[in-house]
Amino acid sequence: MTPTTTRTDKLGQLHRRLEAEVLGLISGTDWQSMLVVASRFHRYSARNIFLIHAQRPDATRVAGFGRWRALGRHVRRGESGIAILAPCVHRAKEVNGADNNDKKNNDDDAPPASVLRGFKVAYVFDESQTDGPPLADVRPRLLVGDDTARLWSGLADQVVGAGYSIERGYCRGANGVTDFAARTVRVRADVADLQATKTLAHDL
């Protein structure tokens, strides 16, 4: 992008890149690569995960320039940012001229209404583009080992007593799923007994 590129031009270029990325997912390998990236970024929308994957498929943890500084790290000079779409949110009175302080219901605790006006191009950087002290790894880890205390049986009795059945199987990427309509609790079949017990306790 040239220095004279307008905001509209930047948005158009980013949308075209997003479309190309989606259309380019034509094989199982392509999808697997994208899903690996998606698994690292739980707080990003699908569109931004596509954009991160298109520009830096090896990204692990990304944040804006200011956020990295707050974490004690700094973006190295000359690094190119990863372009994503950031929402432009404004108070409702900025859109329709009404003042949100004039609350007809006299609810002083009600937050001011916000309106999504569109999107703008923002830039984030991967951890590998920064220098500074290492970040603590706070990502969750699956438990390993056996259910030595035999807690599963007692928890299962509680679940069944509440009118639910228990099954082991695929959980759509989660460790466990409770289906309130079908009255079932499903726990991943491919985790250790200790993790399965923890998950059952969570769903209970």
C-alpha atoms as a PDB file:
ATOM      1  CA  MET A   1       0.000   0.000   0.000  1.00  0.00           C
ATOM      2  CA  THR A   2       1.344   3.415  -0.960  1.00  0.00           C
ATOM      3  CA  PRO A   3       1.346   6.416   1.421  1.00  0.00           C
ATOM      4  CA  THR A   4      -1.495   7.951  -0.587  1.00  0.00           C
ATOM      5  CA  THR A   5      -3.739   4.928  -0.274  1.00  0.00           C
ATOM      6  CA  THR A   6      -7.080   6.004   1.175  1.00  0.00           C
ATOM      7  CA  ARG A   7      -8.960   4.264   3.975  1.00  0.00           C
ATOM      8  CA  THR A   8     -11.509   3.009   1.436  1.00  0.00           C
ATOM      9  CA  ASP A   9      -8.727   1.635  -0.765  1.00  0.00           C
ATOM     10  CA  LYS A  10      -7.187  -0.198   2.186  1.00  0.00           C
ATOM     11  CA  LEU A  11     -10.524  -1.737   3.134  1.00  0.00           C
ATOM     12  CA  GLY A  12     -11.141  -2.791  -0.469  1.00  0.00           C
ATOM     13  CA  GLN A  13      -7.725  -4.404  -0.749  1.00  0.00           C
ATOM     14  CA  LEU A  14      -8.202  -6.246   2.525  1.00  0.00           C
ATOM     15  CA  HIS A  15     -11.664  -7.492   1.520  1.00  0.00           C
ATOM     16  CA  ARG A  16     -10.279  -8.783  -1.769  1.00  0.00           C
ATOM     17  CA  ARG A  17      -7.514 -10.557   0.090  1.00  0.00           C
ATOM     18  CA  LEU A  18     -10.085 -12.103   2.409  1.00  0.00           C
ATOM     19  CA  GLU A  19     -12.168 -13.319  -0.545  1.00  0.00           C
ATOM     20  CA  ALA A  20      -9.088 -14.812  -2.208  1.00  0.00           C
ATOM     21  CA  GLU A  21      -8.138 -16.609   1.001  1.00  0.00           C
ATOM     22  CA  VAL A  22     -11.591 -18.179   1.357  1.00  0.00           C
ATOM     23  CA  LEU A  23     -11.747 -19.186  -2.311  1.00  0.00           C
ATOM     24  CA  GLY A  24      -8.245 -20.656  -2.007  1.00  0.00           C
ATOM     25  CA  LEU A  25      -9.328 -23.224   0.579  1.00  0.00           C
ATOM     26  CA  ILE A  26      -9.952 -26.009  -1.908  1.00  0.00           C
ATOM     27  CA  SER A  27      -8.162 -28.976  -0.356  1.00  0.00           C
ATOM     28  CA  GLY A  28      -8.180 -30.788   2.944  1.00  0.00           C
ATOM     29  CA  THR A  29      -4.600 -29.674   3.563  1.00  0.00           C
ATOM     30  CA  ASP A  30      -5.583 -26.023   3.052  1.00  0.00           C
ATOM     31  CA  TRP A  31      -8.420 -26.347   5.549  1.00  0.00           C
ATOM     32  CA  GLN A  32      -6.210 -28.146   8.054  1.00  0.00           C
ATOM     33  CA  SER A  33      -3.642 -25.353   7.855  1.00  0.00           C
ATOM     34  CA  MET A  34      -6.325 -22.718   8.443  1.00  0.00           C
ATOM     35  CA  LEU A  35      -7.835 -24.655  11.360  1.00  0.00           C
ATOM     36  CA  VAL A  36      -4.426 -24.942  13.025  1.00  0.00           C
ATOM     37  CA  VAL A  37      -4.180 -21.151  12.938  1.00  0.00           C
ATOM     38  CA  ALA A  38      -7.793 -20.796  14.130  1.00  0.00           C
ATOM     39  CA  SER A  39      -7.089 -22.983  17.164  1.00  0.00           C
ATOM     40  CA  ARG A  40      -4.539 -20.425  18.385  1.00  0.00           C
ATOM     41  CA  PHE A  41      -6.828 -17.383  18.261  1.00  0.00           C
ATOM     42  CA  HIS A  42     -10.053 -17.820  20.242  1.00  0.00           C
ATOM     43  CA  ARG A  43     -10.817 -14.098  20.482  1.00  0.00           C
ATOM     44  CA  TYR A  44     -10.652 -13.304  16.765  1.00  0.00           C
ATOM     45  CA  SER A  45     -13.513 -13.454  14.306  1.00  0.00           C
ATOM     46  CA  ALA A  46     -13.469 -15.953  11.455  1.00  0.00           C
ATOM     47  CA  ARG A  47     -12.694 -13.192   8.947  1.00  0.00           C
ATOM     48  CA  ASN A  48      -9.663 -12.045  10.918  1.00  0.00           C
ATOM     49  CA  ILE A  49      -8.436 -15.614  11.372  1.00  0.00           C
ATOM     50  CA  PHE A  50      -8.560 -15.964   7.577  1.00  0.00           C
ATOM     51  CA  LEU A  51      -6.598 -12.721   7.198  1.00  0.00           C
ATOM     52  CA  ILE A  52      -3.976 -13.733   9.768  1.00  0.00           C
ATOM     53  CA  HIS A  53      -3.610 -17.100   8.049  1.00  0.00           C
ATOM     54  CA  ALA A  54      -3.192 -15.435   4.650  1.00  0.00           C
ATOM     55  CA  GLN A  55      -0.462 -13.088   5.826  1.00  0.00           C
ATOM     56  CA  ARG A  56       1.348 -15.089   8.506  1.00  0.00           C
ATOM     57  CA  PRO A  57       0.256 -18.738   8.747  1.00  0.00           C
ATOM     58  CA  ASP A  58       2.913 -19.456  11.375  1.00  0.00           C
ATOM     59  CA  ALA A  59       1.551 -16.823  13.785  1.00  0.00           C
ATOM     60  CA  THR A  60       1.143 -17.973  17.369  1.00  0.00           C
ATOM     61  CA  ARG A  61       0.127 -14.969  19.496  1.00  0.00           C
ATOM     62  CA  VAL A  62      -0.755 -11.603  18.019  1.00  0.00           C
ATOM     63  CA  ALA A  63      -1.516  -8.185  19.522  1.00  0.00           C
ATOM     64  CA  GLY A  64      -1.441  -4.530  18.608  1.00  0.00           C
ATOM     65  CA  PHE A  65       1.580  -2.274  19.053  1.00  0.00           C
ATOM     66  CA  GLY A  66       0.293  -0.758  22.292  1.00  0.00           C
ATOM     67  CA  ARG A  67      -0.722  -4.100  23.756  1.00  0.00           C
ATOM     68  CA  TRP A  68       2.767  -5.515  23.230  1.00  0.00           C
ATOM     69  CA  ARG A  69       4.243  -2.487  25.007  1.00  0.00           C
ATOM     70  CA  ALA A  70       1.870  -3.039  27.913  1.00  0.00           C
ATOM     71  CA  LEU A  71       3.126  -6.635  28.126  1.00  0.00           C
ATOM     72  CA  GLY A  72       6.718  -5.418  28.339  1.00  0.00           C
ATOM     73  CA  ARG A  73       7.669  -6.299  24.777  1.00  0.00           C
ATOM     74  CA  HIS A  74       8.264  -4.038  21.782  1.00  0.00           C
ATOM     75  CA  VAL A  75       7.789  -4.535  18.051  1.00  0.00           C
ATOM     76  CA  ARG A  76      11.109  -4.594  16.216  1.00  0.00           C
ATOM     77  CA  ARG A  77      11.808  -1.707  13.858  1.00  0.00           C
ATOM     78  CA  GLY A  78      10.936  -2.508  10.256  1.00  0.00           C
ATOM     79  CA  GLU A  79       8.442  -5.284  11.013  1.00  0.00           C
ATOM     80  CA  SER A  80       5.318  -5.305   8.823  1.00  0.00           C
ATOM     81  CA  GLY A  81       2.011  -5.509  10.634  1.00  0.00           C
ATOM     82  CA  ILE A  82      -0.684  -8.104   9.954  1.00  0.00           C
ATOM     83  CA  ALA A  83      -3.725  -6.262   8.608  1.00  0.00           C
ATOM     84  CA  ILE A  84      -7.072  -7.159  10.175  1.00  0.00           C
ATOM     85  CA  LEU A  85     -10.554  -5.624  10.276  1.00  0.00           C
ATOM     86  CA  ALA A  86     -11.384  -3.706  13.464  1.00  0.00           C
ATOM     87  CA  PRO A  87     -14.955  -2.581  14.264  1.00  0.00           C
ATOM     88  CA  CYS A  88     -15.755   1.146  14.443  1.00  0.00           C
ATOM     89  CA  VAL A  89     -18.190   1.508  17.349  1.00  0.00           C
ATOM     90  CA  HIS A  90     -19.716   4.853  18.332  1.00  0.00           C
ATOM     91  CA  ARG A  91     -22.248   6.019  20.868  1.00  0.00           C
ATOM     92  CA  ALA A  92     -25.732   6.113  19.428  1.00  0.00           C
ATOM     93  CA  LYS A  93     -26.012   9.896  19.803  1.00  0.00           C
ATOM     94  CA  GLU A  94     -23.130  10.297  17.365  1.00  0.00           C
ATOM     95  CA  VAL A  95     -25.261   8.533  14.777  1.00  0.00           C
ATOM     96  CA  ASN A  96     -28.784   9.898  15.266  1.00  0.00           C
ATOM     97  CA  GLY A  97     -28.075  13.113  17.186  1.00  0.00           C
ATOM     98  CA  ALA A  98     -29.866  11.912  20.319  1.00  0.00           C
ATOM     99  CA  ASP A  99     -28.151  12.270  23.654  1.00  0.00           C
ATOM    100  CA  ASN A 100     -27.972   8.979  25.521  1.00  0.00           C
ATOM    101  CA  ASN A 101     -27.887  10.908  28.786  1.00  0.00           C
ATOM    102  CA  ASP A 102     -31.559  11.750  28.253  1.00  0.00           C
ATOM    103  CA  LYS A 103     -32.854   8.386  29.415  1.00  0.00           C
ATOM    104  CA  LYS A 104     -36.592   8.119  29.182  1.00  0.00           C
ATOM    105  CA  ASN A 105     -36.626   5.269  31.648  1.00  0.00           C
ATOM    106  CA  ASN A 106     -34.481   7.177  34.170  1.00  0.00           C
ATOM    107  CA  ASP A 107     -32.198   4.167  34.480  1.00  0.00           C
ATOM    108  CA  ASP A 108     -28.923   5.756  35.553  1.00  0.00           C
ATOM    109  CA  ASP A 109     -27.156   2.390  35.502  1.00  0.00           C
ATOM    110  CA  ALA A 110     -27.955   1.634  31.860  1.00  0.00           C
ATOM    111  CA  PRO A 111     -24.840   1.833  29.666  1.00  0.00           C
ATOM    112  CA  PRO A 112     -24.934   4.209  26.684  1.00  0.00           C
ATOM    113  CA  ALA A 113     -26.088   2.505  23.516  1.00  0.00           C
ATOM    114  CA  SER A 114     -23.395   1.791  20.926  1.00  0.00           C
ATOM    115  CA  VAL A 115     -23.729   1.408  17.182  1.00  0.00           C
ATOM    116  CA  LEU A 116     -21.427  -0.414  14.779  1.00  0.00           C
ATOM    117  CA  ARG A 117     -20.605   2.076  12.022  1.00  0.00           C
ATOM    118  CA  GLY A 118     -18.358  -0.171   9.951  1.00  0.00           C
ATOM    119  CA  PHE A 119     -14.812  -1.464   9.955  1.00  0.00           C
ATOM    120  CA  LYS A 120     -11.332  -0.052   9.619  1.00  0.00           C
ATOM    121  CA  VAL A 121      -7.965  -1.605   8.866  1.00  0.00           C
ATOM    122  CA  ALA A 122      -5.878  -2.210  11.980  1.00  0.00           C
ATOM    123  CA  TYR A 123      -2.511  -3.883  12.389  1.00  0.00           C
ATOM    124  CA  VAL A 124      -1.338  -6.545  14.803  1.00  0.00           C
ATOM    125  CA  PHE A 125       2.042  -8.209  15.215  1.00  0.00           C
ATOM    126  CA  ASP A 126       3.016 -11.768  16.018  1.00  0.00           C
ATOM    127  CA  GLU A 127       5.055 -12.527  19.118  1.00  0.00           C
ATOM    128  CA  SER A 128       7.958 -13.535  16.847  1.00  0.00           C
ATOM    129  CA  GLN A 129       8.083  -9.913  15.588  1.00  0.00           C
ATOM    130  CA  THR A 130       8.713  -8.577  19.087  1.00  0.00           C
ATOM    131  CA  ASP A 131      11.540  -8.513  21.596  1.00  0.00           C
ATOM    132  CA  GLY A 132      11.334  -8.564  25.362  1.00  0.00           C
ATOM    133  CA  PRO A 133      10.883 -10.879  28.321  1.00  0.00           C
ATOM    134  CA  PRO A 134       9.129 -14.181  27.549  1.00  0.00           C
ATOM    135  CA  LEU A 135       5.415 -14.360  28.159  1.00  0.00           C
ATOM    136  CA  ALA A 136       3.964 -16.836  30.609  1.00  0.00           C
ATOM    137  CA  ASP A 137       2.291 -19.751  28.858  1.00  0.00           C
ATOM    138  CA  VAL A 138      -1.208 -19.671  30.323  1.00  0.00           C
ATOM    139  CA  ARG A 139      -2.863 -21.785  27.670  1.00  0.00           C
ATOM    140  CA  PRO A 140      -4.926 -24.641  29.140  1.00  0.00           C
ATOM    141  CA  ARG A 141      -3.396 -28.100  29.152  1.00  0.00           C
ATOM    142  CA  LEU A 142      -5.248 -31.389  29.158  1.00  0.00           C
ATOM    143  CA  LEU A 143      -4.801 -33.484  32.266  1.00  0.00           C
ATOM    144  CA  VAL A 144      -3.109 -36.850  31.905  1.00  0.00           C
ATOM    145  CA  GLY A 145      -3.283 -39.931  34.112  1.00  0.00           C
ATOM    146  CA  ASP A 146      -5.868 -42.199  35.643  1.00  0.00           C
ATOM    147  CA  ASP A 147      -8.883 -41.345  37.771  1.00  0.00           C
ATOM    148  CA  THR A 148      -7.243 -42.850  40.848  1.00  0.00           C
ATOM    149  CA  ALA A 149      -9.885 -41.462  43.215  1.00  0.00           C
ATOM    150  CA  ARG A 150     -12.639 -43.092  41.147  1.00  0.00           C
ATOM    151  CA  LEU A 151     -14.512 -39.789  40.967  1.00  0.00           C
ATOM    152  CA  TRP A 152     -16.122 -40.529  37.603  1.00  0.00           C
ATOM    153  CA  SER A 153     -18.624 -42.972  39.078  1.00  0.00           C
ATOM    154  CA  GLY A 154     -19.868 -40.536  41.717  1.00  0.00           C
ATOM    155  CA  LEU A 155     -20.118 -37.661  39.230  1.00  0.00           C
ATOM    156  CA  ALA A 156     -21.899 -39.904  36.720  1.00  0.00           C
ATOM    157  CA  ASP A 157     -24.490 -40.808  39.369  1.00  0.00           C
ATOM    158  CA  GLN A 158     -25.165 -37.097  39.890  1.00  0.00           C
ATOM    159  CA  VAL A 159     -25.559 -36.485  36.142  1.00  0.00           C
ATOM    160  CA  VAL A 160     -27.908 -39.449  35.695  1.00  0.00           C
ATOM    161  CA  GLY A 161     -29.823 -38.418  38.795  1.00  0.00           C
ATOM    162  CA  ALA A 162     -30.437 -35.031  37.166  1.00  0.00           C
ATOM    163  CA  GLY A 163     -32.084 -36.807  34.239  1.00  0.00           C
ATOM    164  CA  TYR A 164     -29.183 -36.806  31.767  1.00  0.00           C
ATOM    165  CA  SER A 165     -27.441 -39.661  30.012  1.00  0.00           C
ATOM    166  CA  ILE A 166     -23.649 -39.805  29.563  1.00  0.00           C
ATOM    167  CA  GLU A 167     -21.749 -40.736  26.425  1.00  0.00           C
ATOM    168  CA  ARG A 168     -18.200 -40.493  25.102  1.00  0.00           C
ATOM    169  CA  GLY A 169     -17.522 -39.185  21.617  1.00  0.00           C
ATOM    170  CA  TYR A 170     -16.740 -36.216  19.375  1.00  0.00           C
ATOM    171  CA  CYS A 171     -17.386 -32.834  21.002  1.00  0.00           C
ATOM    172  CA  ARG A 172     -16.848 -30.384  18.116  1.00  0.00           C
ATOM    173  CA  GLY A 173     -13.487 -29.192  19.415  1.00  0.00           C
ATOM    174  CA  ALA A 174     -14.537 -28.933  23.063  1.00  0.00           C
ATOM    175  CA  ASN A 175     -13.692 -31.329  25.872  1.00  0.00           C
ATOM    176  CA  GLY A 176     -17.348 -31.844  26.704  1.00  0.00           C
ATOM    177  CA  VAL A 177     -20.800 -30.838  25.478  1.00  0.00           C
ATOM    178  CA  THR A 178     -24.091 -30.706  27.360  1.00  0.00           C
ATOM    179  CA  ASP A 179     -27.173 -30.976  25.144  1.00  0.00           C
ATOM    180  CA  PHE A 180     -30.081 -29.628  27.186  1.00  0.00           C
ATOM    181  CA  ALA A 181     -32.678 -30.575  24.572  1.00  0.00           C
ATOM    182  CA  ALA A 182     -31.515 -34.182  24.252  1.00  0.00           C
ATOM    183  CA  ARG A 183     -30.621 -34.371  27.969  1.00  0.00           C
ATOM    184  CA  THR A 184     -27.169 -35.796  27.268  1.00  0.00           C
ATOM    185  CA  VAL A 185     -23.654 -35.029  28.452  1.00  0.00           C
ATOM    186  CA  ARG A 186     -20.916 -36.043  26.011  1.00  0.00           C
ATOM    187  CA  VAL A 187     -17.244 -36.207  27.015  1.00  0.00           C
ATOM    188  CA  ARG A 188     -14.385 -36.501  24.553  1.00  0.00           C
ATOM    189  CA  ALA A 189     -13.424 -40.110  23.973  1.00  0.00           C
ATOM    190  CA  ASP A 190      -9.739 -39.428  23.226  1.00  0.00           C
ATOM    191  CA  VAL A 191      -8.663 -37.877  26.544  1.00  0.00           C
ATOM    192  CA  ALA A 192      -7.151 -39.507  29.614  1.00  0.00           C
ATOM    193  CA  ASP A 193      -9.429 -40.663  32.407  1.00  0.00           C
ATOM    194  CA  LEU A 194      -8.343 -37.793  34.672  1.00  0.00           C
ATOM    195  CA  GLN A 195      -9.237 -35.173  32.041  1.00  0.00           C
ATOM    196  CA  ALA A 196     -12.538 -36.923  31.298  1.00  0.00           C
ATOM    197  CA  THR A 197     -13.412 -36.787  34.999  1.00  0.00           C
ATOM    198  CA  LYS A 198     -12.543 -33.087  35.174  1.00  0.00           C
ATOM    199  CA  THR A 199     -14.711 -32.400  32.122  1.00  0.00           C
ATOM    200  CA  LEU A 200     -17.631 -34.355  33.570  1.00  0.00           C
ATOM    201  CA  ALA A 201     -17.367 -32.326  36.785  1.00  0.00           C
ATOM    202  CA  HIS A 202     -17.385 -29.107  34.721  1.00  0.00           C
ATOM    203  CA  ASP A 203     -20.475 -30.111  32.756  1.00  0.00           C
ATOM    204  CA  LEU A 204     -22.242 -31.300  35.897  1.00  0.00           C
END
